[in-house]
Amino acid sequence: MSKVYESFVRDVSRLLNGREIVMCLRDLTPGRKKYKGINVRAVVSQPPRQGEDMLWVRSVCGVKFPDPFSVRIVENMPDVFKGAPYTDYFDAMERAER
């Protein structure tokens, strides 16, 4: 059974560049781990590819994009990124990609 995730993104075009990106996913699959957040290195596709997990994308302020994406998790990342407190989370994720 494939999983369902959601992610909040600043720039959707960054998702669809065909490269691996670092992102935070929230698990929407029913069960005990629903809403658990994980940091991953993943490849996102649209239209969704068969056999990959479903991804719902939201803007930074929470507006849900109408069409689903698919996500293939390449690597699980640490729960915490290095960075100064109260700095931009999206910048810390970009630094983790390098």
C-alpha atoms as a PDB file:
ATOM      1  CA  MET A   1       0.000   0.000   0.000  1.00  0.00           C
ATOM      2  CA  SER A   2       1.445   3.369  -0.948  1.00  0.00           C
ATOM      3  CA  LYS A   3       1.663   6.185   1.566  1.00  0.00           C
ATOM      4  CA  VAL A   4       0.189   9.667   1.363  1.00  0.00           C
ATOM      5  CA  TYR A   5       2.288  12.689   2.348  1.00  0.00           C
ATOM      6  CA  GLU A   6       1.940  16.452   2.388  1.00  0.00           C
ATOM      7  CA  SER A   7       4.587  19.148   2.233  1.00  0.00           C
ATOM      8  CA  PHE A   8       4.655  22.928   2.528  1.00  0.00           C
ATOM      9  CA  VAL A   9       6.840  24.538  -0.155  1.00  0.00           C
ATOM     10  CA  ARG A  10       7.923  28.043  -1.007  1.00  0.00           C
ATOM     11  CA  ASP A  11       8.512  27.462  -4.739  1.00  0.00           C
ATOM     12  CA  VAL A  12       6.748  24.616  -6.595  1.00  0.00           C
ATOM     13  CA  SER A  13       9.044  24.924  -9.617  1.00  0.00           C
ATOM     14  CA  ARG A  14      11.920  23.840  -7.361  1.00  0.00           C
ATOM     15  CA  LEU A  15      10.134  20.508  -6.809  1.00  0.00           C
ATOM     16  CA  LEU A  16       9.818  19.664 -10.478  1.00  0.00           C
ATOM     17  CA  ASN A  17      13.396  20.089 -11.644  1.00  0.00           C
ATOM     18  CA  GLY A  18      14.029  16.319 -11.831  1.00  0.00           C
ATOM     19  CA  ARG A  19      16.753  16.405  -9.173  1.00  0.00           C
ATOM     20  CA  GLU A  20      16.841  15.080  -5.646  1.00  0.00           C
ATOM     21  CA  ILE A  21      15.795  17.727  -3.137  1.00  0.00           C
ATOM     22  CA  VAL A  22      15.708  17.878   0.639  1.00  0.00           C
ATOM     23  CA  MET A  23      12.225  18.412   2.009  1.00  0.00           C
ATOM     24  CA  CYS A  24      10.028  17.815   5.025  1.00  0.00           C
ATOM     25  CA  LEU A  25       7.093  15.440   4.568  1.00  0.00           C
ATOM     26  CA  ARG A  26       4.118  14.988   6.858  1.00  0.00           C
ATOM     27  CA  ASP A  27       2.639  11.484   6.802  1.00  0.00           C
ATOM     28  CA  LEU A  28      -1.119  11.512   6.098  1.00  0.00           C
ATOM     29  CA  THR A  29      -1.494   7.724   5.993  1.00  0.00           C
ATOM     30  CA  PRO A  30      -4.091   6.559   8.560  1.00  0.00           C
ATOM     31  CA  GLY A  31      -2.630   4.882  11.623  1.00  0.00           C
ATOM     32  CA  ARG A  32      -0.479   5.574  14.653  1.00  0.00           C
ATOM     33  CA  LYS A  33       2.127   7.594  12.751  1.00  0.00           C
ATOM     34  CA  LYS A  34      -0.321   9.922  11.020  1.00  0.00           C
ATOM     35  CA  TYR A  35       0.988  13.513  10.953  1.00  0.00           C
ATOM     36  CA  LYS A  36       4.542  12.440  11.803  1.00  0.00           C
ATOM     37  CA  GLY A  37       7.059  14.727  10.103  1.00  0.00           C
ATOM     38  CA  ILE A  38      10.189  13.384   8.427  1.00  0.00           C
ATOM     39  CA  ASN A  39      13.059  15.080   6.628  1.00  0.00           C
ATOM     40  CA  VAL A  40      14.022  13.301   3.420  1.00  0.00           C
ATOM     41  CA  ARG A  41      15.991  13.548   0.213  1.00  0.00           C
ATOM     42  CA  ALA A  42      13.429  12.804  -2.509  1.00  0.00           C
ATOM     43  CA  VAL A  43      12.457  13.135  -6.159  1.00  0.00           C
ATOM     44  CA  VAL A  44       9.045  14.667  -6.898  1.00  0.00           C
ATOM     45  CA  SER A  45       7.065  14.054 -10.104  1.00  0.00           C
ATOM     46  CA  GLN A  46       3.999  15.485 -11.695  1.00  0.00           C
ATOM     47  CA  PRO A  47       1.867  13.944 -13.068  1.00  0.00           C
ATOM     48  CA  PRO A  48       2.106  11.255 -10.362  1.00  0.00           C
ATOM     49  CA  ARG A  49       4.010   8.123 -11.319  1.00  0.00           C
ATOM     50  CA  GLN A  50       2.404   4.781 -10.710  1.00  0.00           C
ATOM     51  CA  GLY A  51       3.922   2.846  -7.812  1.00  0.00           C
ATOM     52  CA  GLU A  52       5.231   5.953  -6.014  1.00  0.00           C
ATOM     53  CA  ASP A  53       3.799   7.523  -2.875  1.00  0.00           C
ATOM     54  CA  MET A  54       1.285  10.351  -3.272  1.00  0.00           C
ATOM     55  CA  LEU A  55       2.255  13.896  -2.286  1.00  0.00           C
ATOM     56  CA  TRP A  56      -0.100  16.793  -1.662  1.00  0.00           C
ATOM     57  CA  VAL A  57       1.661  20.143  -1.884  1.00  0.00           C
ATOM     58  CA  ARG A  58       0.678  23.271   0.009  1.00  0.00           C
ATOM     59  CA  SER A  59       2.015  26.803  -0.211  1.00  0.00           C
ATOM     60  CA  VAL A  60       3.819  28.290   2.764  1.00  0.00           C
ATOM     61  CA  CYS A  61       0.558  29.812   3.984  1.00  0.00           C
ATOM     62  CA  GLY A  62      -1.323  26.485   3.582  1.00  0.00           C
ATOM     63  CA  VAL A  63      -3.122  26.764   0.228  1.00  0.00           C
ATOM     64  CA  LYS A  64      -3.426  23.243  -1.213  1.00  0.00           C
ATOM     65  CA  PHE A  65      -2.484  22.751  -4.868  1.00  0.00           C
ATOM     66  CA  PRO A  66      -5.376  21.093  -6.739  1.00  0.00           C
ATOM     67  CA  ASP A  67      -3.483  18.209  -8.351  1.00  0.00           C
ATOM     68  CA  PRO A  68      -1.435  15.576  -6.496  1.00  0.00           C
ATOM     69  CA  PHE A  69       2.246  14.877  -7.102  1.00  0.00           C
ATOM     70  CA  SER A  70       4.203  11.687  -6.482  1.00  0.00           C
ATOM     71  CA  VAL A  71       7.295  11.392  -4.325  1.00  0.00           C
ATOM     72  CA  ARG A  72      10.093   8.813  -4.264  1.00  0.00           C
ATOM     73  CA  ILE A  73      12.105   8.911  -1.048  1.00  0.00           C
ATOM     74  CA  VAL A  74      15.796   8.372  -1.765  1.00  0.00           C
ATOM     75  CA  GLU A  75      17.206   8.871   1.748  1.00  0.00           C
ATOM     76  CA  ASN A  76      15.939   9.661   5.233  1.00  0.00           C
ATOM     77  CA  MET A  77      17.678  12.722   6.664  1.00  0.00           C
ATOM     78  CA  PRO A  78      18.357  13.618  10.324  1.00  0.00           C
ATOM     79  CA  ASP A  79      15.467  14.978  12.367  1.00  0.00           C
ATOM     80  CA  VAL A  80      17.337  18.247  12.969  1.00  0.00           C
ATOM     81  CA  PHE A  81      19.231  20.476  10.498  1.00  0.00           C
ATOM     82  CA  LYS A  82      22.236  22.518  11.578  1.00  0.00           C
ATOM     83  CA  GLY A  83      21.441  26.176  11.819  1.00  0.00           C
ATOM     84  CA  ALA A  84      21.031  29.134  14.120  1.00  0.00           C
ATOM     85  CA  PRO A  85      17.753  29.345  16.032  1.00  0.00           C
ATOM     86  CA  TYR A  86      15.017  31.435  14.402  1.00  0.00           C
ATOM     87  CA  THR A  87      16.634  31.412  10.969  1.00  0.00           C
ATOM     88  CA  ASP A  88      14.907  30.433   7.756  1.00  0.00           C
ATOM     89  CA  TYR A  89      14.035  26.708   7.652  1.00  0.00           C
ATOM     90  CA  PHE A  90      13.965  26.638   3.845  1.00  0.00           C
ATOM     91  CA  ASP A  91      17.534  27.988   3.696  1.00  0.00           C
ATOM     92  CA  ALA A  92      18.667  25.250   6.087  1.00  0.00           C
ATOM     93  CA  MET A  93      17.066  22.626   3.842  1.00  0.00           C
ATOM     94  CA  GLU A  94      18.865  24.032   0.771  1.00  0.00           C
ATOM     95  CA  ARG A  95      22.202  23.890   2.612  1.00  0.00           C
ATOM     96  CA  ALA A  96      21.492  20.231   3.445  1.00  0.00           C
ATOM     97  CA  GLU A  97      21.208  19.454  -0.293  1.00  0.00           C
ATOM     98  CA  ARG A  98      24.839  20.379  -0.904  1.00  0.00           C
END
